[in-house]
C-alpha atoms as a PDB file:
ATOM      1  CA  ILE A   1      43.248  88.017 128.055  1.00  0.00           C
ATOM      2  CA  TYR A   2      40.167  86.505 126.515  1.00  0.00           C
ATOM      3  CA  THR A   3      39.286  84.811 123.238  1.00  0.00           C
ATOM      4  CA  PHE A   4      36.791  86.665 121.073  1.00  0.00           C
ATOM      5  CA  THR A   5      37.144  84.952 117.691  1.00  0.00           C
ATOM      6  CA  ILE A   6      37.379  81.265 116.849  1.00  0.00           C
ATOM      7  CA  GLY A   7      38.516  79.602 113.615  1.00  0.00           C
ATOM      8  CA  PRO A   8      36.443  76.402 113.441  1.00  0.00           C
ATOM      9  CA  ASP A   9      38.246  74.871 110.451  1.00  0.00           C
ATOM     10  CA  VAL A  10      41.974  75.553 110.446  1.00  0.00           C
ATOM     11  CA  MET A  11      42.607  73.115 107.592  1.00  0.00           C
ATOM     12  CA  ALA A  12      40.163  74.899 105.285  1.00  0.00           C
ATOM     13  CA  LYS A  13      41.317  78.406 106.179  1.00  0.00           C
ATOM     14  CA  PRO A  14      44.901  78.406 107.463  1.00  0.00           C
ATOM     15  CA  GLY A  15      45.799  81.824 108.817  1.00  0.00           C
ATOM     16  CA  SER A  16      42.237  82.989 109.392  1.00  0.00           C
ATOM     17  CA  ALA A  17      41.376  84.479 112.787  1.00  0.00           C
ATOM     18  CA  GLY A  18      37.861  83.084 112.481  1.00  0.00           C
ATOM     19  CA  ARG A  19      34.632  84.740 113.567  1.00  0.00           C
ATOM     20  CA  ALA A  20      33.037  85.887 116.811  1.00  0.00           C
ATOM     21  CA  GLY A  21      32.755  83.116 119.402  1.00  0.00           C
ATOM     22  CA  VAL A  22      29.854  82.343 121.710  1.00  0.00           C
ATOM     23  CA  PHE A  23      28.723  85.419 123.699  1.00  0.00           C
ATOM     24  CA  SER A  24      31.041  87.640 121.599  1.00  0.00           C
ATOM     25  CA  ARG A  25      30.324  90.469 119.164  1.00  0.00           C
ATOM     26  CA  VAL A  26      33.028  91.592 116.767  1.00  0.00           C
ATOM     27  CA  ARG A  27      32.922  94.209 114.038  1.00  0.00           C
ATOM     28  CA  LEU A  28      35.298  96.053 111.704  1.00  0.00           C
ATOM     29  CA  VAL A  29      35.242  99.829 111.881  1.00  0.00           C
ATOM     30  CA  SER A  30      37.163 102.677 110.258  1.00  0.00           C
ATOM     31  CA  PRO A  31      40.945 102.201 110.541  1.00  0.00           C
ATOM     32  CA  GLU A  32      41.392 105.819 111.638  1.00  0.00           C
ATOM     33  CA  PRO A  33      42.841 106.126 115.171  1.00  0.00           C
ATOM     34  CA  GLY A  34      40.093 107.037 117.631  1.00  0.00           C
ATOM     35  CA  ALA A  35      37.286 105.826 115.332  1.00  0.00           C
ATOM     36  CA  SER A  36      33.838 105.273 116.831  1.00  0.00           C
ATOM     37  CA  PRO A  37      32.530 101.695 117.166  1.00  0.00           C
ATOM     38  CA  ASP A  38      29.625 102.861 114.984  1.00  0.00           C
ATOM     39  CA  ASP A  39      31.919 103.657 111.994  1.00  0.00           C
ATOM     40  CA  VAL A  40      31.482 100.199 110.483  1.00  0.00           C
ATOM     41  CA  VAL A  41      33.288  99.573 107.176  1.00  0.00           C
ATOM     42  CA  GLY A  42      31.634  98.088 104.103  1.00  0.00           C
ATOM     43  CA  PRO A  43      31.844  94.444 102.941  1.00  0.00           C
ATOM     44  CA  GLY A  44      35.367  93.465 101.893  1.00  0.00           C
ATOM     45  CA  GLU A  45      36.921  96.679 103.253  1.00  0.00           C
ATOM     46  CA  GLN A  46      39.828  96.670 105.653  1.00  0.00           C
ATOM     47  CA  GLY A  47      38.985  97.942 109.120  1.00  0.00           C
ATOM     48  CA  GLN A  48      40.164  97.762 112.691  1.00  0.00           C
ATOM     49  CA  ILE A  49      38.757  95.088 114.957  1.00  0.00           C
ATOM     50  CA  ALA A  50      36.345  96.208 117.659  1.00  0.00           C
ATOM     51  CA  VAL A  51      35.037  93.770 120.291  1.00  0.00           C
ATOM     52  CA  SER A  52      32.038  94.326 122.558  1.00  0.00           C
ATOM     53  CA  ILE A  53      32.971  94.198 126.234  1.00  0.00           C
ATOM     54  CA  ALA A  54      29.372  93.372 127.161  1.00  0.00           C
ATOM     55  CA  SER A  55      30.315  89.680 126.871  1.00  0.00           C
ATOM     56  CA  PRO A  56      30.523  87.808 130.213  1.00  0.00           C
ATOM     57  CA  GLU A  57      33.967  86.618 129.099  1.00  0.00           C
ATOM     58  CA  ALA A  58      35.311  90.119 128.407  1.00  0.00           C
ATOM     59  CA  PHE A  59      37.584  92.025 130.712  1.00  0.00           C
ATOM     60  CA  ALA A  60      36.480  95.229 132.430  1.00  0.00           C
ATOM     61  CA  GLY A  61      39.686  97.091 131.588  1.00  0.00           C
ATOM     62  CA  TYR A  62      43.402  97.144 132.229  1.00  0.00           C
ATOM     63  CA  TRP A  63      44.633  96.742 135.815  1.00  0.00           C
ATOM     64  CA  ASN A  64      45.575 100.182 137.157  1.00  0.00           C
ATOM     65  CA  ARG A  65      46.054 101.497 133.601  1.00  0.00           C
ATOM     66  CA  PRO A  66      43.482 104.253 132.981  1.00  0.00           C
ATOM     67  CA  ASP A  67      45.687 105.494 130.114  1.00  0.00           C
ATOM     68  CA  ALA A  68      45.374 102.126 128.355  1.00  0.00           C
ATOM     69  CA  ASP A  69      41.622 102.058 128.975  1.00  0.00           C
ATOM     70  CA  ALA A  70      41.234 105.524 127.453  1.00  0.00           C
ATOM     71  CA  ARG A  71      43.233 104.468 124.400  1.00  0.00           C
ATOM     72  CA  THR A  72      41.542 101.127 123.701  1.00  0.00           C
ATOM     73  CA  ILE A  73      37.985 101.197 125.109  1.00  0.00           C
ATOM     74  CA  ARG A  74      35.334 103.396 123.508  1.00  0.00           C
ATOM     75  CA  GLY A  75      31.563 103.218 123.767  1.00  0.00           C
ATOM     76  CA  GLY A  76      31.586  99.770 125.341  1.00  0.00           C
ATOM     77  CA  TRP A  77      33.916  98.309 122.711  1.00  0.00           C
ATOM     78  CA  TYR A  78      37.530  97.176 123.000  1.00  0.00           C
ATOM     79  CA  PHE A  79      39.966  98.109 120.206  1.00  0.00           C
ATOM     80  CA  PRO A  80      42.991  95.753 120.281  1.00  0.00           C
ATOM     81  CA  GLY A  81      44.672  97.702 117.473  1.00  0.00           C
ATOM     82  CA  ASP A  82      44.539  94.993 114.803  1.00  0.00           C
ATOM     83  CA  LEU A  83      43.459  95.546 111.197  1.00  0.00           C
ATOM     84  CA  ALA A  84      41.518  92.854 109.376  1.00  0.00           C
ATOM     85  CA  VAL A  85      39.324  92.037 106.392  1.00  0.00           C
ATOM     86  CA  ALA A  86      36.237  89.803 106.594  1.00  0.00           C
ATOM     87  CA  ASP A  87      35.608  87.240 103.851  1.00  0.00           C
ATOM     88  CA  ASP A  88      32.199  86.220 102.487  1.00  0.00           C
ATOM     89  CA  ASP A  89      31.708  83.795 105.396  1.00  0.00           C
ATOM     90  CA  GLY A  90      32.406  86.487 107.984  1.00  0.00           C
ATOM     91  CA  ASP A  91      35.793  85.074 108.964  1.00  0.00           C
ATOM     92  CA  LEU A  92      38.507  87.612 109.779  1.00  0.00           C
ATOM     93  CA  TRP A  93      41.937  87.796 108.174  1.00  0.00           C
ATOM     94  CA  VAL A  94      44.294  89.963 110.225  1.00  0.00           C
ATOM     95  CA  SER A  95      46.268  92.284 107.937  1.00  0.00           C
ATOM     96  CA  GLY A  96      48.330  94.525 110.206  1.00  0.00           C
ATOM     97  CA  ARG A  97      48.277  97.014 113.052  1.00  0.00           C
ATOM     98  CA  VAL A  98      46.646 100.432 113.278  1.00  0.00           C
ATOM     99  CA  ASP A  99      49.854 101.803 114.826  1.00  0.00           C
ATOM    100  CA  ASP A 100      51.792 100.787 111.717  1.00  0.00           C
ATOM    101  CA  MET A 101      49.616 102.866 109.394  1.00  0.00           C
ATOM    102  CA  ILE A 102      51.437 105.601 107.464  1.00  0.00           C
ATOM    103  CA  ASN A 103      49.601 108.833 106.628  1.00  0.00           C
ATOM    104  CA  SER A 104      51.292 110.239 103.542  1.00  0.00           C
ATOM    105  CA  GLY A 105      49.774 113.169 101.697  1.00  0.00           C
ATOM    106  CA  GLY A 106      46.462 112.602 103.473  1.00  0.00           C
ATOM    107  CA  GLU A 107      46.273 108.934 102.381  1.00  0.00           C
ATOM    108  CA  ASN A 108      46.418 105.964 104.743  1.00  0.00           C
ATOM    109  CA  ILE A 109      49.058 103.452 103.650  1.00  0.00           C
ATOM    110  CA  TYR A 110      49.712 100.086 105.259  1.00  0.00           C
ATOM    111  CA  PRO A 111      53.274  98.715 105.161  1.00  0.00           C
ATOM    112  CA  ASP A 112      52.498  94.985 104.846  1.00  0.00           C
ATOM    113  CA  GLU A 113      51.678  95.049 101.125  1.00  0.00           C
ATOM    114  CA  ILE A 114      54.749  97.159 100.362  1.00  0.00           C
ATOM    115  CA  GLU A 115      57.040  94.897 102.392  1.00  0.00           C
ATOM    116  CA  ASP A 116      55.699  91.802 100.630  1.00  0.00           C
ATOM    117  CA  ALA A 117      56.385  93.370  97.228  1.00  0.00           C
ATOM    118  CA  LEU A 118      59.870  94.708  98.013  1.00  0.00           C
ATOM    119  CA  SER A 119      61.029  91.536  99.786  1.00  0.00           C
ATOM    120  CA  ARG A 120      61.201  89.872  96.369  1.00  0.00           C
ATOM    121  CA  CYS A 121      64.167  92.056  95.408  1.00  0.00           C
ATOM    122  CA  PRO A 122      67.357  89.937  95.296  1.00  0.00           C
ATOM    123  CA  ALA A 123      69.306  92.634  97.152  1.00  0.00           C
ATOM    124  CA  VAL A 124      67.083  92.344 100.244  1.00  0.00           C
ATOM    125  CA  ARG A 125      67.688  90.012 103.174  1.00  0.00           C
ATOM    126  CA  GLU A 126      65.173  91.656 105.518  1.00  0.00           C
ATOM    127  CA  ILE A 127      62.940  94.704 105.061  1.00  0.00           C
ATOM    128  CA  VAL A 128      60.606  96.888 107.102  1.00  0.00           C
ATOM    129  CA  VAL A 129      58.550  99.831 105.839  1.00  0.00           C
ATOM    130  CA  ALA A 130      57.788 102.730 108.181  1.00  0.00           C
ATOM    131  CA  GLY A 131      56.719 106.350 108.009  1.00  0.00           C
ATOM    132  CA  THR A 132      59.342 109.035 108.587  1.00  0.00           C
ATOM    133  CA  ALA A 133      58.749 112.762 109.077  1.00  0.00           C
ATOM    134  CA  ASP A 134      58.543 114.698 105.825  1.00  0.00           C
ATOM    135  CA  ASP A 135      57.817 118.396 105.269  1.00  0.00           C
ATOM    136  CA  ARG A 136      55.877 117.782 102.058  1.00  0.00           C
ATOM    137  CA  TRP A 137      53.999 114.543 102.766  1.00  0.00           C
ATOM    138  CA  GLY A 138      53.671 114.595 106.543  1.00  0.00           C
ATOM    139  CA  GLN A 139      55.057 111.077 106.571  1.00  0.00           C
ATOM    140  CA  ALA A 140      57.193 109.566 103.843  1.00  0.00           C
ATOM    141  CA  VAL A 141      56.999 105.856 103.041  1.00  0.00           C
ATOM    142  CA  THR A 142      60.516 104.667 103.870  1.00  0.00           C
ATOM    143  CA  ALA A 143      61.964 101.231 103.169  1.00  0.00           C
ATOM    144  CA  PHE A 144      64.589 100.126 105.709  1.00  0.00           C
ATOM    145  CA  PHE A 145      66.373  96.987 104.641  1.00  0.00           C
ATOM    146  CA  VAL A 146      69.301  94.750 105.481  1.00  0.00           C
ATOM    147  CA  PRO A 147      71.269  93.994 102.290  1.00  0.00           C
ATOM    148  CA  GLU A 148      71.934  90.403 101.308  1.00  0.00           C
ATOM    149  CA  GLN A 149      75.158  88.999 102.681  1.00  0.00           C
ATOM    150  CA  GLY A 150      78.137  90.254 100.711  1.00  0.00           C
ATOM    151  CA  ALA A 151      76.178  93.001  98.930  1.00  0.00           C
ATOM    152  CA  GLU A 152      77.720  96.479  98.886  1.00  0.00           C
ATOM    153  CA  PRO A 153      75.169  98.759 100.644  1.00  0.00           C
ATOM    154  CA  ALA A 154      75.184 101.619  98.109  1.00  0.00           C
ATOM    155  CA  ARG A 155      74.755  99.197  95.224  1.00  0.00           C
ATOM    156  CA  ALA A 156      71.983  97.355  97.097  1.00  0.00           C
ATOM    157  CA  VAL A 157      70.173 100.673  97.633  1.00  0.00           C
ATOM    158  CA  GLU A 158      70.298 101.389  93.907  1.00  0.00           C
ATOM    159  CA  GLN A 159      69.067  97.888  93.086  1.00  0.00           C
ATOM    160  CA  LEU A 160      66.128  98.122  95.476  1.00  0.00           C
ATOM    161  CA  SER A 161      65.297 101.621  94.211  1.00  0.00           C
ATOM    162  CA  ARG A 162      65.052 100.345  90.641  1.00  0.00           C
ATOM    163  CA  PHE A 163      63.072  97.301  91.744  1.00  0.00           C
ATOM    164  CA  ALA A 164      60.546  99.483  93.627  1.00  0.00           C
ATOM    165  CA  ARG A 165      60.048 101.619  90.542  1.00  0.00           C
ATOM    166  CA  ASP A 166      60.040  98.995  87.786  1.00  0.00           C
ATOM    167  CA  ASP A 167      59.322  95.521  89.151  1.00  0.00           C
ATOM    168  CA  ALA A 168      57.446  95.652  92.456  1.00  0.00           C
ATOM    169  CA  GLY A 169      54.040  96.297  90.905  1.00  0.00           C
ATOM    170  CA  LEU A 170      53.243  99.012  93.434  1.00  0.00           C
ATOM    171  CA  PRO A 171      51.190 102.106  92.549  1.00  0.00           C
ATOM    172  CA  SER A 172      53.132 105.362  92.800  1.00  0.00           C
ATOM    173  CA  LEU A 173      51.426 106.275  96.086  1.00  0.00           C
ATOM    174  CA  LYS A 174      52.825 103.141  97.757  1.00  0.00           C
ATOM    175  CA  ARG A 175      56.335 103.238  96.347  1.00  0.00           C
ATOM    176  CA  PRO A 176      58.938 104.217  98.953  1.00  0.00           C
ATOM    177  CA  LYS A 177      60.104 107.798  98.885  1.00  0.00           C
ATOM    178  CA  ARG A 178      63.282 106.831 100.709  1.00  0.00           C
ATOM    179  CA  VAL A 179      65.367 103.665 100.702  1.00  0.00           C
ATOM    180  CA  VAL A 180      67.773 103.113 103.591  1.00  0.00           C
ATOM    181  CA  ALA A 181      70.244 100.239 104.048  1.00  0.00           C
ATOM    182  CA  VAL A 182      70.793  99.405 107.721  1.00  0.00           C
ATOM    183  CA  PRO A 183      72.972  96.793 109.458  1.00  0.00           C
ATOM    184  CA  SER A 184      69.999  95.292 111.319  1.00  0.00           C
ATOM    185  CA  ILE A 185      66.285  95.755 111.978  1.00  0.00           C
ATOM    186  CA  PRO A 186      65.532  96.768 115.604  1.00  0.00           C
ATOM    187  CA  LYS A 187      63.614  94.079 117.479  1.00  0.00           C
ATOM    188  CA  SER A 188      62.444  93.413 121.016  1.00  0.00           C
ATOM    189  CA  ALA A 189      63.752  90.585 123.187  1.00  0.00           C
ATOM    190  CA  VAL A 190      60.998  88.325 121.824  1.00  0.00           C
ATOM    191  CA  GLY A 191      61.728  89.184 118.196  1.00  0.00           C
ATOM    192  CA  LYS A 192      58.990  91.758 117.603  1.00  0.00           C
ATOM    193  CA  ILE A 193      59.957  94.405 115.047  1.00  0.00           C
ATOM    194  CA  LEU A 194      60.261  97.838 116.681  1.00  0.00           C
ATOM    195  CA  ARG A 195      58.915  99.846 113.771  1.00  0.00           C
ATOM    196  CA  ARG A 196      58.586 102.984 115.885  1.00  0.00           C
ATOM    197  CA  GLU A 197      62.324 103.037 116.497  1.00  0.00           C
ATOM    198  CA  LEU A 198      62.880 103.369 112.769  1.00  0.00           C
ATOM    199  CA  GLY A 199      60.187 106.033 112.404  1.00  0.00           C
ATOM    200  CA  ALA A 200      61.821 108.000 115.226  1.00  0.00           C
ATOM    201  CA  GLY A 201      65.215 107.979 113.496  1.00  0.00           C
ATOM    202  CA  HIS A 202      66.947 105.472 115.779  1.00  0.00           C
ATOM    203  CA  TYR A 203      68.998 103.570 113.225  1.00  0.00           C
ATOM    204  CA  GLU A 204      72.449 103.452 111.640  1.00  0.00           C
ATOM    205  CA  VAL A 205      72.670 104.307 107.937  1.00  0.00           C
ATOM    206  CA  LEU A 206      74.888 102.190 105.682  1.00  0.00           C
ATOM    207  CA  ALA A 207      73.627 103.866 102.517  1.00  0.00           C
ATOM    208  CA  GLU A 208      70.454 105.676 101.492  1.00  0.00           C
ATOM    209  CA  ARG A 209      68.666 107.355  98.617  1.00  0.00           C
ATOM    210  CA  ASP A 210      65.865 109.889  98.414  1.00  0.00           C
ATOM    211  CA  LEU A 211      63.658 108.686  95.545  1.00  0.00           C
ATOM    212  CA  GLN A 212      61.963 112.065  95.295  1.00  0.00           C
ATOM    213  CA  GLU A 213      65.163 113.471  93.847  1.00  0.00           C
ATOM    214  CA  LYS A 214      65.776 113.347  90.123  1.00  0.00           C
ATOM    215  CA  PRO A 215      68.105 110.519  89.080  1.00  0.00           C
END
């Protein structure tokens, strides 16, 4: 593990990942999986972080993990899998993970913005957005949520469905195509959300609704 960005003023920019440290080079490139380190995004655009491994502080690769090297090191640059946006000062603001990206109808959609919007619904205690297999869209934006304590799951699904359509402020492309009430969100032993488990269909359904159907 090595440090490649430093936030020099935490009080002024709480939450910022900072900018490249001494001997480091960091850039934002296309968020597409497998993107070249030369596919640099424009100012203010979201991209995935790429870090030069020419730095004397950088690692040479993963220990006995050629599969991990092939996945994360390209053209002398290390891709940790984080998405970020750079502000006018060049400081990075991490906005998600490349692995979490949903490709729906040929468009790349990131779940963080959708989760932030839908979490304001009174019926929601906890929510995670993931892509699920869909014949029409490739991946369908699906909202998995734990209903508030005491809420009847079917009624909570209807409430969240209406909220997503009328009150969340999301464009139609980012509105969930499915809403699923679950008893809990799958997490690792350290509390990390296991979004892939949901995308793979490993969950218990309390109630659900396909929002592509006519009411």
